[in-house]
Amino acid sequence: MVDAPKICVAGIGALGGTFTAMLAHSGANVSVVARGATLQAIRARGLELQGPASTFCTPVAAAERAPDTRQDLLVLAVKAHQLATLVPLVKATVDAGTPVLPIVNGIPWWMTVDGPFESAHETVDPGSVLTAAFPTAQVIGCVAYAFASMPLPAVVRSDRQPKLVLGRAAQQGCVDAGLAQIENILSTAGIAVELSADIRQPIWTKLAFNLATNPLSVLCEATLEKMGTAEDSRAVISDVLAEVRAVGAACGLTGLPPTSALLDVIASAGPHETSMLQDFRAGRLLELDAMGEAVTSLAGAYGVPTPTINTLVRLTRFKGAQCR
């Protein structure tokens, strides 16, 4: 009998909760790092997932720290600015062979270790804490598409089948057996998986989508559908996408889809609130560094003007500070 894969998920918000519930429900040996009301709720009644086709509740081992035994996969599912706080909580479960899968928005720290994105490194990894804790050779780059929310502690709602795009952080152009094994674990749980030989391009495309919608959603307090169908907001989104496209080209990434295609995706997203708008309503710190400041750092280094992005990030940071 083959042992169930051991997976630790650190961070149980909407995304982490969705993937944890699906993995545990499929039979994986899942443990989670959580805290506060979420930790108490998981211990008391398990983790509930309200999906598009069914609702179920599954028991999950939960603690404030990761297990002290090696895991087959460590998933980091907190906001980018919270990653450094996880390091002392998960270090006992990571050895030289542990794959690390960060599910974060914006430019991930490992993309900035060297090369064309290096000027954003201090913005996304101050003091290189993450670089030291999680060697790039062990990192699985990831882009997540999941229309998820957490209405209550330990209760997550997913409106569509979640999808992950995965690729090696350190080996561009390579899809190996280890990556295929992780794909199998995730797909067995019902998570759609796409493997990428160069994960940087999917990351940049998702960044463009997020940067064009998340700050604007906070300023307008509007859903994706509303922003994607109103003339004025579509114009602002188009301006942001043009600036992201220019910064990407300066960094060597030129595969961003046409603006019209991205606008169609936004308009068809339905009455979904972005993760940043959900954070704003909950009074949480907004994820502006990895998503916004990192891009403006790159723009400054390459001399690319980004007036729309600069204005949106500043106004969103100001508005977010008023509600905390």
C-alpha atoms as a PDB file:
ATOM      1  CA  MET A   1       0.000   0.000   0.000  1.00  0.00           C
ATOM      2  CA  VAL A   2       1.377   3.395  -0.970  1.00  0.00           C
ATOM      3  CA  ASP A   3       1.425   5.936   1.843  1.00  0.00           C
ATOM      4  CA  ALA A   4      -0.661   9.059   1.334  1.00  0.00           C
ATOM      5  CA  PRO A   5       1.464  12.085   0.414  1.00  0.00           C
ATOM      6  CA  LYS A   6       2.334  14.283   3.376  1.00  0.00           C
ATOM      7  CA  ILE A   7       1.509  17.911   2.678  1.00  0.00           C
ATOM      8  CA  CYS A   8       1.755  20.921   4.958  1.00  0.00           C
ATOM      9  CA  VAL A   9      -0.211  24.046   4.050  1.00  0.00           C
ATOM     10  CA  ALA A  10       0.893  27.172   5.904  1.00  0.00           C
ATOM     11  CA  GLY A  11      -1.830  29.798   5.825  1.00  0.00           C
ATOM     12  CA  ILE A  12      -5.554  29.072   5.751  1.00  0.00           C
ATOM     13  CA  GLY A  13      -7.238  31.945   3.995  1.00  0.00           C
ATOM     14  CA  ALA A  14      -9.530  31.592   1.013  1.00  0.00           C
ATOM     15  CA  LEU A  15      -6.899  30.037  -1.272  1.00  0.00           C
ATOM     16  CA  GLY A  16      -5.084  27.945   1.301  1.00  0.00           C
ATOM     17  CA  GLY A  17      -8.369  26.738   2.741  1.00  0.00           C
ATOM     18  CA  THR A  18      -9.726  25.728  -0.659  1.00  0.00           C
ATOM     19  CA  PHE A  19      -6.660  23.698  -1.619  1.00  0.00           C
ATOM     20  CA  THR A  20      -6.333  22.162   1.857  1.00  0.00           C
ATOM     21  CA  ALA A  21      -9.940  20.989   1.933  1.00  0.00           C
ATOM     22  CA  MET A  22      -9.684  19.447  -1.536  1.00  0.00           C
ATOM     23  CA  LEU A  23      -6.385  17.702  -0.756  1.00  0.00           C
ATOM     24  CA  ALA A  24      -7.582  16.333   2.582  1.00  0.00           C
ATOM     25  CA  HIS A  25     -10.884  15.194   1.063  1.00  0.00           C
ATOM     26  CA  SER A  26      -8.939  13.246  -1.593  1.00  0.00           C
ATOM     27  CA  GLY A  27      -7.041  11.267   1.043  1.00  0.00           C
ATOM     28  CA  ALA A  28      -3.778  13.199   1.286  1.00  0.00           C
ATOM     29  CA  ASN A  29      -2.156  13.430   4.720  1.00  0.00           C
ATOM     30  CA  VAL A  30      -2.560  17.181   5.193  1.00  0.00           C
ATOM     31  CA  SER A  31      -1.500  19.329   8.128  1.00  0.00           C
ATOM     32  CA  VAL A  32      -1.988  23.074   8.350  1.00  0.00           C
ATOM     33  CA  VAL A  33      -0.349  26.017  10.042  1.00  0.00           C
ATOM     34  CA  ALA A  34      -3.052  28.376  11.264  1.00  0.00           C
ATOM     35  CA  ARG A  35      -3.768  30.709  14.140  1.00  0.00           C
ATOM     36  CA  GLY A  36      -6.497  32.510  16.059  1.00  0.00           C
ATOM     37  CA  ALA A  37     -10.141  31.902  15.255  1.00  0.00           C
ATOM     38  CA  THR A  38      -9.319  29.855  12.158  1.00  0.00           C
ATOM     39  CA  LEU A  39      -7.126  27.454  14.136  1.00  0.00           C
ATOM     40  CA  GLN A  40      -9.787  27.064  16.823  1.00  0.00           C
ATOM     41  CA  ALA A  41     -12.537  26.466  14.264  1.00  0.00           C
ATOM     42  CA  ILE A  42     -10.538  23.820  12.361  1.00  0.00           C
ATOM     43  CA  ARG A  43      -9.786  21.976  15.578  1.00  0.00           C
ATOM     44  CA  ALA A  44     -13.420  22.147  16.662  1.00  0.00           C
ATOM     45  CA  ARG A  45     -15.240  21.146  13.487  1.00  0.00           C
ATOM     46  CA  GLY A  46     -12.797  20.680  10.604  1.00  0.00           C
ATOM     47  CA  LEU A  47     -12.500  22.659   7.389  1.00  0.00           C
ATOM     48  CA  GLU A  48     -15.632  23.261   5.308  1.00  0.00           C
ATOM     49  CA  LEU A  49     -15.555  23.820   1.557  1.00  0.00           C
ATOM     50  CA  GLN A  50     -18.619  25.154  -0.212  1.00  0.00           C
ATOM     51  CA  GLY A  51     -17.975  24.311  -3.861  1.00  0.00           C
ATOM     52  CA  PRO A  52     -19.903  24.832  -7.093  1.00  0.00           C
ATOM     53  CA  ALA A  53     -21.196  21.240  -7.052  1.00  0.00           C
ATOM     54  CA  SER A  54     -21.081  20.151  -3.406  1.00  0.00           C
ATOM     55  CA  THR A  55     -20.303  21.123   0.174  1.00  0.00           C
ATOM     56  CA  PHE A  56     -18.243  19.006   2.541  1.00  0.00           C
ATOM     57  CA  CYS A  57     -16.381  19.279   5.830  1.00  0.00           C
ATOM     58  CA  THR A  58     -13.115  17.441   6.398  1.00  0.00           C
ATOM     59  CA  PRO A  59     -10.954  17.014   9.508  1.00  0.00           C
ATOM     60  CA  VAL A  60      -7.438  18.436   9.256  1.00  0.00           C
ATOM     61  CA  ALA A  61      -4.529  18.379  11.704  1.00  0.00           C
ATOM     62  CA  ALA A  62      -3.936  22.006  12.662  1.00  0.00           C
ATOM     63  CA  ALA A  63      -1.300  23.747  14.777  1.00  0.00           C
ATOM     64  CA  GLU A  64       0.538  27.044  15.075  1.00  0.00           C
ATOM     65  CA  ARG A  65       3.713  25.419  13.733  1.00  0.00           C
ATOM     66  CA  ALA A  66       4.429  22.898  10.987  1.00  0.00           C
ATOM     67  CA  PRO A  67       5.164  19.261  11.880  1.00  0.00           C
ATOM     68  CA  ASP A  68       8.784  18.491  12.727  1.00  0.00           C
ATOM     69  CA  THR A  69       8.864  15.671  10.177  1.00  0.00           C
ATOM     70  CA  ARG A  70       9.754  16.021   6.497  1.00  0.00           C
ATOM     71  CA  GLN A  71       6.827  16.654   4.165  1.00  0.00           C
ATOM     72  CA  ASP A  72       6.410  15.650   0.533  1.00  0.00           C
ATOM     73  CA  LEU A  73       5.252  19.192  -0.208  1.00  0.00           C
ATOM     74  CA  LEU A  74       5.176  22.488   1.688  1.00  0.00           C
ATOM     75  CA  VAL A  75       2.585  24.977   0.444  1.00  0.00           C
ATOM     76  CA  LEU A  76       2.943  28.619   1.493  1.00  0.00           C
ATOM     77  CA  ALA A  77      -0.491  30.227   1.179  1.00  0.00           C
ATOM     78  CA  VAL A  78      -0.250  33.563   2.970  1.00  0.00           C
ATOM     79  CA  LYS A  79       0.023  37.063   1.536  1.00  0.00           C
ATOM     80  CA  ALA A  80       3.439  37.971   0.157  1.00  0.00           C
ATOM     81  CA  HIS A  81       4.147  40.420   2.996  1.00  0.00           C
ATOM     82  CA  GLN A  82       3.452  37.658   5.555  1.00  0.00           C
ATOM     83  CA  LEU A  83       5.859  35.084   4.135  1.00  0.00           C
ATOM     84  CA  ALA A  84       8.831  36.043   6.302  1.00  0.00           C
ATOM     85  CA  THR A  85       6.795  35.437   9.466  1.00  0.00           C
ATOM     86  CA  LEU A  86       6.253  31.825   8.353  1.00  0.00           C
ATOM     87  CA  VAL A  87       9.951  30.965   8.179  1.00  0.00           C
ATOM     88  CA  PRO A  88      10.436  30.069  11.874  1.00  0.00           C
ATOM     89  CA  LEU A  89       7.094  28.233  11.894  1.00  0.00           C
ATOM     90  CA  VAL A  90       7.863  25.863   9.010  1.00  0.00           C
ATOM     91  CA  LYS A  91      11.656  25.455   9.043  1.00  0.00           C
ATOM     92  CA  ALA A  92      11.509  22.122  10.910  1.00  0.00           C
ATOM     93  CA  THR A  93       9.553  20.518   8.082  1.00  0.00           C
ATOM     94  CA  VAL A  94      11.892  21.611   5.273  1.00  0.00           C
ATOM     95  CA  ASP A  95      15.053  19.764   4.321  1.00  0.00           C
ATOM     96  CA  ALA A  96      17.179  19.765   1.180  1.00  0.00           C
ATOM     97  CA  GLY A  97      14.630  17.660  -0.702  1.00  0.00           C
ATOM     98  CA  THR A  98      11.364  19.332   0.275  1.00  0.00           C
ATOM     99  CA  PRO A  99       9.531  21.028  -2.608  1.00  0.00           C
ATOM    100  CA  VAL A 100       8.232  24.456  -1.591  1.00  0.00           C
ATOM    101  CA  LEU A 101       5.161  25.800  -3.385  1.00  0.00           C
ATOM    102  CA  PRO A 102       4.368  29.478  -2.652  1.00  0.00           C
ATOM    103  CA  ILE A 103       0.881  30.550  -3.733  1.00  0.00           C
ATOM    104  CA  VAL A 104       1.279  34.316  -3.718  1.00  0.00           C
ATOM    105  CA  ASN A 105       0.243  37.275  -5.816  1.00  0.00           C
ATOM    106  CA  GLY A 106       2.670  39.680  -7.436  1.00  0.00           C
ATOM    107  CA  ILE A 107       6.338  39.105  -8.187  1.00  0.00           C
ATOM    108  CA  PRO A 108       7.635  36.203  -6.054  1.00  0.00           C
ATOM    109  CA  TRP A 109      10.907  36.645  -4.189  1.00  0.00           C
ATOM    110  CA  TRP A 110      12.704  33.908  -6.130  1.00  0.00           C
ATOM    111  CA  MET A 111      12.265  35.773  -9.441  1.00  0.00           C
ATOM    112  CA  THR A 112      14.275  38.678  -8.017  1.00  0.00           C
ATOM    113  CA  VAL A 113      17.314  36.809  -6.691  1.00  0.00           C
ATOM    114  CA  ASP A 114      19.260  37.760  -9.819  1.00  0.00           C
ATOM    115  CA  GLY A 115      18.658  38.591 -13.459  1.00  0.00           C
ATOM    116  CA  PRO A 116      16.314  41.198 -14.952  1.00  0.00           C
ATOM    117  CA  PHE A 117      14.029  41.419 -11.891  1.00  0.00           C
ATOM    118  CA  GLU A 118      16.811  41.919  -9.337  1.00  0.00           C
ATOM    119  CA  SER A 119      15.992  45.588  -8.709  1.00  0.00           C
ATOM    120  CA  ALA A 120      12.728  44.513  -7.028  1.00  0.00           C
ATOM    121  CA  HIS A 121      14.438  42.099  -4.621  1.00  0.00           C
ATOM    122  CA  GLU A 122      14.551  44.280  -1.528  1.00  0.00           C
ATOM    123  CA  THR A 123      10.889  45.183  -2.024  1.00  0.00           C
ATOM    124  CA  VAL A 124       9.678  41.568  -1.981  1.00  0.00           C
ATOM    125  CA  ASP A 125      12.361  39.967   0.213  1.00  0.00           C
ATOM    126  CA  PRO A 126      13.853  42.500   2.638  1.00  0.00           C
ATOM    127  CA  GLY A 127      17.097  41.163   4.042  1.00  0.00           C
ATOM    128  CA  SER A 128      16.835  38.069   1.781  1.00  0.00           C
ATOM    129  CA  VAL A 129      15.044  36.159   4.550  1.00  0.00           C
ATOM    130  CA  LEU A 130      13.036  34.049   2.091  1.00  0.00           C
ATOM    131  CA  THR A 131      15.976  33.457  -0.235  1.00  0.00           C
ATOM    132  CA  ALA A 132      17.989  32.042   2.666  1.00  0.00           C
ATOM    133  CA  ALA A 133      15.151  29.889   4.006  1.00  0.00           C
ATOM    134  CA  PHE A 134      13.882  28.430   0.727  1.00  0.00           C
ATOM    135  CA  PRO A 135      16.618  27.746  -1.857  1.00  0.00           C
ATOM    136  CA  THR A 136      15.417  28.488  -5.373  1.00  0.00           C
ATOM    137  CA  ALA A 137      16.275  24.935  -6.474  1.00  0.00           C
ATOM    138  CA  GLN A 138      13.477  23.648  -4.215  1.00  0.00           C
ATOM    139  CA  VAL A 139      10.858  26.230  -5.150  1.00  0.00           C
ATOM    140  CA  ILE A 140       7.943  25.461  -7.456  1.00  0.00           C
ATOM    141  CA  GLY A 141       6.747  28.641  -9.146  1.00  0.00           C
ATOM    142  CA  CYS A 142       2.986  28.932  -9.102  1.00  0.00           C
ATOM    143  CA  VAL A 143       0.074  30.921 -10.475  1.00  0.00           C
ATOM    144  CA  ALA A 144      -3.320  30.332  -8.858  1.00  0.00           C
ATOM    145  CA  TYR A 145      -6.706  30.924 -10.409  1.00  0.00           C
ATOM    146  CA  ALA A 146      -9.396  30.416  -7.785  1.00  0.00           C
ATOM    147  CA  PHE A 147     -12.500  32.502  -7.279  1.00  0.00           C
ATOM    148  CA  ALA A 148     -12.565  31.841  -3.548  1.00  0.00           C
ATOM    149  CA  SER A 149     -13.592  33.592  -0.357  1.00  0.00           C
ATOM    150  CA  MET A 150     -13.700  32.849   3.376  1.00  0.00           C
ATOM    151  CA  PRO A 151     -17.023  34.053   4.824  1.00  0.00           C
ATOM    152  CA  LEU A 152     -16.288  32.518   8.249  1.00  0.00           C
ATOM    153  CA  PRO A 153     -13.238  31.043   9.997  1.00  0.00           C
ATOM    154  CA  ALA A 154     -12.552  27.558   8.583  1.00  0.00           C
ATOM    155  CA  VAL A 155     -15.335  27.964   5.999  1.00  0.00           C
ATOM    156  CA  VAL A 156     -14.226  28.581   2.409  1.00  0.00           C
ATOM    157  CA  ARG A 157     -16.324  29.126  -0.682  1.00  0.00           C
ATOM    158  CA  SER A 158     -15.026  28.329  -4.166  1.00  0.00           C
ATOM    159  CA  ASP A 159     -17.202  29.406  -7.086  1.00  0.00           C
ATOM    160  CA  ARG A 160     -15.221  27.537  -9.761  1.00  0.00           C
ATOM    161  CA  GLN A 161     -12.770  24.679 -10.046  1.00  0.00           C
ATOM    162  CA  PRO A 162      -9.409  26.089  -8.918  1.00  0.00           C
ATOM    163  CA  LYS A 163      -6.432  25.911 -11.246  1.00  0.00           C
ATOM    164  CA  LEU A 164      -2.687  26.050 -10.619  1.00  0.00           C
ATOM    165  CA  VAL A 165       0.003  26.716 -13.211  1.00  0.00           C
ATOM    166  CA  LEU A 166       3.296  25.235 -11.991  1.00  0.00           C
ATOM    167  CA  GLY A 167       6.903  25.439 -13.120  1.00  0.00           C
ATOM    168  CA  ARG A 168      10.380  25.076 -11.678  1.00  0.00           C
ATOM    169  CA  ALA A 169      11.750  28.336 -10.303  1.00  0.00           C
ATOM    170  CA  ALA A 170      15.375  27.454 -11.005  1.00  0.00           C
ATOM    171  CA  GLN A 171      15.143  25.419 -14.208  1.00  0.00           C
ATOM    172  CA  GLN A 172      13.390  27.369 -16.923  1.00  0.00           C
ATOM    173  CA  GLY A 173      12.598  25.156 -19.897  1.00  0.00           C
ATOM    174  CA  CYS A 174      12.316  22.026 -17.745  1.00  0.00           C
ATOM    175  CA  VAL A 175       9.311  19.918 -16.729  1.00  0.00           C
ATOM    176  CA  ASP A 176      10.678  16.996 -14.703  1.00  0.00           C
ATOM    177  CA  ALA A 177       9.367  13.892 -12.947  1.00  0.00           C
ATOM    178  CA  GLY A 178       9.176  15.626  -9.571  1.00  0.00           C
ATOM    179  CA  LEU A 179       6.942  18.313 -11.005  1.00  0.00           C
ATOM    180  CA  ALA A 180       4.760  15.674 -12.642  1.00  0.00           C
ATOM    181  CA  GLN A 181       4.413  13.913  -9.281  1.00  0.00           C
ATOM    182  CA  ILE A 182       3.154  17.117  -7.655  1.00  0.00           C
ATOM    183  CA  GLU A 183       0.758  17.563 -10.568  1.00  0.00           C
ATOM    184  CA  ASN A 184      -0.617  14.080  -9.897  1.00  0.00           C
ATOM    185  CA  ILE A 185      -1.172  14.802  -6.192  1.00  0.00           C
ATOM    186  CA  LEU A 186      -3.042  18.016  -6.943  1.00  0.00           C
ATOM    187  CA  SER A 187      -5.076  16.718  -9.869  1.00  0.00           C
ATOM    188  CA  THR A 188      -6.165  13.693  -7.828  1.00  0.00           C
ATOM    189  CA  ALA A 189      -7.745  16.203  -5.445  1.00  0.00           C
ATOM    190  CA  GLY A 190      -9.721  17.792  -8.287  1.00  0.00           C
ATOM    191  CA  ILE A 191      -7.419  20.782  -8.745  1.00  0.00           C
ATOM    192  CA  ALA A 192      -6.764  21.634 -12.391  1.00  0.00           C
ATOM    193  CA  VAL A 193      -3.015  21.782 -13.064  1.00  0.00           C
ATOM    194  CA  GLU A 194      -1.031  23.108 -16.000  1.00  0.00           C
ATOM    195  CA  LEU A 195       2.737  22.656 -16.178  1.00  0.00           C
ATOM    196  CA  SER A 196       4.857  25.452 -17.613  1.00  0.00           C
ATOM    197  CA  ALA A 197       8.409  25.205 -18.914  1.00  0.00           C
ATOM    198  CA  ASP A 198       8.882  28.912 -18.108  1.00  0.00           C
ATOM    199  CA  ILE A 199       6.663  29.910 -15.192  1.00  0.00           C
ATOM    200  CA  ARG A 200       7.788  33.538 -15.299  1.00  0.00           C
ATOM    201  CA  GLN A 201       5.460  34.385 -18.190  1.00  0.00           C
ATOM    202  CA  PRO A 202       2.281  33.029 -16.515  1.00  0.00           C
ATOM    203  CA  ILE A 203       3.312  34.863 -13.340  1.00  0.00           C
ATOM    204  CA  TRP A 204       3.663  38.129 -15.270  1.00  0.00           C
ATOM    205  CA  THR A 205       0.283  37.627 -16.957  1.00  0.00           C
ATOM    206  CA  LYS A 206      -1.420  37.042 -13.601  1.00  0.00           C
ATOM    207  CA  LEU A 207       0.422  40.055 -12.178  1.00  0.00           C
ATOM    208  CA  ALA A 208      -0.945  42.211 -15.006  1.00  0.00           C
ATOM    209  CA  PHE A 209      -4.470  40.980 -14.274  1.00  0.00           C
ATOM    210  CA  ASN A 210      -4.096  41.585 -10.534  1.00  0.00           C
ATOM    211  CA  LEU A 211      -2.427  44.976 -10.768  1.00  0.00           C
ATOM    212  CA  ALA A 212      -5.046  46.173 -13.252  1.00  0.00           C
ATOM    213  CA  THR A 213      -7.951  45.111 -11.019  1.00  0.00           C
ATOM    214  CA  ASN A 214      -7.043  44.777  -7.337  1.00  0.00           C
ATOM    215  CA  PRO A 215      -6.090  48.367  -6.416  1.00  0.00           C
ATOM    216  CA  LEU A 216      -8.896  49.734  -8.586  1.00  0.00           C
ATOM    217  CA  SER A 217     -11.386  47.409  -6.896  1.00  0.00           C
ATOM    218  CA  VAL A 218     -10.477  48.909  -3.519  1.00  0.00           C
ATOM    219  CA  LEU A 219     -10.751  52.481  -4.760  1.00  0.00           C
ATOM    220  CA  CYS A 220     -14.101  51.825  -6.474  1.00  0.00           C
ATOM    221  CA  GLU A 221     -15.301  49.052  -4.129  1.00  0.00           C
ATOM    222  CA  ALA A 222     -16.498  47.225  -7.219  1.00  0.00           C
ATOM    223  CA  THR A 223     -16.568  43.641  -8.466  1.00  0.00           C
ATOM    224  CA  LEU A 224     -14.538  42.373 -11.394  1.00  0.00           C
ATOM    225  CA  GLU A 225     -17.631  42.256 -13.581  1.00  0.00           C
ATOM    226  CA  LYS A 226     -18.521  45.887 -12.893  1.00  0.00           C
ATOM    227  CA  MET A 227     -14.983  47.110 -13.528  1.00  0.00           C
ATOM    228  CA  GLY A 228     -14.699  45.048 -16.678  1.00  0.00           C
ATOM    229  CA  THR A 229     -17.907  46.369 -18.223  1.00  0.00           C
ATOM    230  CA  ALA A 230     -17.925  50.087 -17.302  1.00  0.00           C
ATOM    231  CA  GLU A 231     -16.277  52.386 -19.852  1.00  0.00           C
ATOM    232  CA  ASP A 232     -14.299  54.513 -17.387  1.00  0.00           C
ATOM    233  CA  SER A 233     -12.879  51.621 -15.375  1.00  0.00           C
ATOM    234  CA  ARG A 234     -12.035  49.716 -18.576  1.00  0.00           C
ATOM    235  CA  ALA A 235     -10.019  52.738 -19.714  1.00  0.00           C
ATOM    236  CA  VAL A 236      -8.012  52.769 -16.474  1.00  0.00           C
ATOM    237  CA  ILE A 237      -7.478  49.008 -16.667  1.00  0.00           C
ATOM    238  CA  SER A 238      -6.225  49.390 -20.238  1.00  0.00           C
ATOM    239  CA  ASP A 239      -3.735  52.060 -19.141  1.00  0.00           C
ATOM    240  CA  VAL A 240      -2.395  49.817 -16.366  1.00  0.00           C
ATOM    241  CA  LEU A 241      -2.038  46.883 -18.742  1.00  0.00           C
ATOM    242  CA  ALA A 242      -0.109  49.035 -21.209  1.00  0.00           C
ATOM    243  CA  GLU A 243       2.322  50.070 -18.466  1.00  0.00           C
ATOM    244  CA  VAL A 244       2.752  46.497 -17.202  1.00  0.00           C
ATOM    245  CA  ARG A 245       3.358  45.388 -20.782  1.00  0.00           C
ATOM    246  CA  ALA A 246       6.125  48.002 -21.158  1.00  0.00           C
ATOM    247  CA  VAL A 247       7.827  47.001 -17.899  1.00  0.00           C
ATOM    248  CA  GLY A 248       7.609  43.332 -18.845  1.00  0.00           C
ATOM    249  CA  ALA A 249       9.200  44.016 -22.219  1.00  0.00           C
ATOM    250  CA  ALA A 250      12.077  45.806 -20.484  1.00  0.00           C
ATOM    251  CA  CYS A 251      12.580  42.663 -18.377  1.00  0.00           C
ATOM    252  CA  GLY A 252      12.437  40.343 -21.378  1.00  0.00           C
ATOM    253  CA  LEU A 253       8.840  39.124 -21.017  1.00  0.00           C
ATOM    254  CA  THR A 254       6.813  39.879 -24.119  1.00  0.00           C
ATOM    255  CA  GLY A 255       4.080  37.228 -24.059  1.00  0.00           C
ATOM    256  CA  LEU A 256       1.317  39.188 -22.340  1.00  0.00           C
ATOM    257  CA  PRO A 257      -2.081  38.471 -23.974  1.00  0.00           C
ATOM    258  CA  PRO A 258      -3.827  41.291 -25.866  1.00  0.00           C
ATOM    259  CA  THR A 259      -5.508  43.918 -23.704  1.00  0.00           C
ATOM    260  CA  SER A 260      -8.879  43.112 -25.279  1.00  0.00           C
ATOM    261  CA  ALA A 261      -8.568  39.467 -24.209  1.00  0.00           C
ATOM    262  CA  LEU A 262      -7.712  40.401 -20.616  1.00  0.00           C
ATOM    263  CA  LEU A 263     -10.623  42.846 -20.493  1.00  0.00           C
ATOM    264  CA  ASP A 264     -12.945  40.077 -21.665  1.00  0.00           C
ATOM    265  CA  VAL A 265     -11.726  37.815 -18.851  1.00  0.00           C
ATOM    266  CA  ILE A 266     -12.348  40.553 -16.281  1.00  0.00           C
ATOM    267  CA  ALA A 267     -15.810  41.341 -17.638  1.00  0.00           C
ATOM    268  CA  SER A 268     -16.800  37.670 -17.580  1.00  0.00           C
ATOM    269  CA  ALA A 269     -15.595  37.058 -14.011  1.00  0.00           C
ATOM    270  CA  GLY A 270     -19.028  37.695 -12.542  1.00  0.00           C
ATOM    271  CA  PRO A 271     -19.835  39.419  -9.237  1.00  0.00           C
ATOM    272  CA  HIS A 272     -16.557  38.377  -7.626  1.00  0.00           C
ATOM    273  CA  GLU A 273     -14.647  40.661  -5.278  1.00  0.00           C
ATOM    274  CA  THR A 274     -10.868  40.670  -5.667  1.00  0.00           C
ATOM    275  CA  SER A 275      -8.751  39.349  -2.814  1.00  0.00           C
ATOM    276  CA  MET A 276      -7.530  42.888  -2.135  1.00  0.00           C
ATOM    277  CA  LEU A 277     -11.074  44.198  -1.807  1.00  0.00           C
ATOM    278  CA  GLN A 278     -11.864  41.338   0.570  1.00  0.00           C
ATOM    279  CA  ASP A 279      -8.790  42.281   2.623  1.00  0.00           C
ATOM    280  CA  PHE A 280      -9.822  45.945   2.598  1.00  0.00           C
ATOM    281  CA  ARG A 281     -13.308  45.153   3.877  1.00  0.00           C
ATOM    282  CA  ALA A 282     -11.773  43.032   6.641  1.00  0.00           C
ATOM    283  CA  GLY A 283      -9.353  45.797   7.671  1.00  0.00           C
ATOM    284  CA  ARG A 284      -6.277  43.784   6.713  1.00  0.00           C
ATOM    285  CA  LEU A 285      -2.989  45.084   5.314  1.00  0.00           C
ATOM    286  CA  LEU A 286      -3.203  45.288   1.527  1.00  0.00           C
ATOM    287  CA  GLU A 287      -0.844  43.277  -0.688  1.00  0.00           C
ATOM    288  CA  LEU A 288       0.665  46.264  -2.480  1.00  0.00           C
ATOM    289  CA  ASP A 289       4.406  45.621  -2.224  1.00  0.00           C
ATOM    290  CA  ALA A 290       4.765  42.464  -4.320  1.00  0.00           C
ATOM    291  CA  MET A 291       1.927  43.498  -6.618  1.00  0.00           C
ATOM    292  CA  GLY A 292       2.545  47.232  -7.054  1.00  0.00           C
ATOM    293  CA  GLU A 293       5.763  48.532  -5.526  1.00  0.00           C
ATOM    294  CA  ALA A 294       7.793  45.726  -7.099  1.00  0.00           C
ATOM    295  CA  VAL A 295       6.598  46.779 -10.548  1.00  0.00           C
ATOM    296  CA  THR A 296       7.348  50.454  -9.925  1.00  0.00           C
ATOM    297  CA  SER A 297      10.830  49.469  -8.679  1.00  0.00           C
ATOM    298  CA  LEU A 298      11.464  47.664 -11.948  1.00  0.00           C
ATOM    299  CA  ALA A 299       9.999  50.563 -13.918  1.00  0.00           C
ATOM    300  CA  GLY A 300      12.360  52.980 -12.190  1.00  0.00           C
ATOM    301  CA  ALA A 301      15.368  50.765 -12.839  1.00  0.00           C
ATOM    302  CA  TYR A 302      14.578  50.517 -16.549  1.00  0.00           C
ATOM    303  CA  GLY A 303      13.315  54.056 -17.032  1.00  0.00           C
ATOM    304  CA  VAL A 304       9.775  52.990 -17.952  1.00  0.00           C
ATOM    305  CA  PRO A 305       7.100  55.565 -17.013  1.00  0.00           C
ATOM    306  CA  THR A 306       4.176  54.111 -15.029  1.00  0.00           C
ATOM    307  CA  PRO A 307       2.027  57.114 -14.031  1.00  0.00           C
ATOM    308  CA  THR A 308      -1.250  55.188 -13.792  1.00  0.00           C
ATOM    309  CA  ILE A 309       0.220  52.416 -11.657  1.00  0.00           C
ATOM    310  CA  ASN A 310       1.979  54.932  -9.405  1.00  0.00           C
ATOM    311  CA  THR A 311      -1.257  56.826  -8.796  1.00  0.00           C
ATOM    312  CA  LEU A 312      -3.369  53.721  -8.169  1.00  0.00           C
ATOM    313  CA  VAL A 313      -0.868  52.238  -5.712  1.00  0.00           C
ATOM    314  CA  ARG A 314      -0.522  55.495  -3.758  1.00  0.00           C
ATOM    315  CA  LEU A 315      -4.266  56.108  -3.528  1.00  0.00           C
ATOM    316  CA  THR A 316      -4.969  52.497  -2.584  1.00  0.00           C
ATOM    317  CA  ARG A 317      -2.323  52.550   0.134  1.00  0.00           C
ATOM    318  CA  PHE A 318      -3.831  55.794   1.477  1.00  0.00           C
ATOM    319  CA  LYS A 319      -7.369  54.412   1.465  1.00  0.00           C
ATOM    320  CA  GLY A 320      -6.289  51.148   3.058  1.00  0.00           C
ATOM    321  CA  ALA A 321      -4.531  52.985   5.872  1.00  0.00           C
ATOM    322  CA  GLN A 322      -7.716  54.879   6.731  1.00  0.00           C
ATOM    323  CA  CYS A 323      -9.581  51.672   7.520  1.00  0.00           C
ATOM    324  CA  ARG A 324      -7.017  49.888   9.671  1.00  0.00           C
END
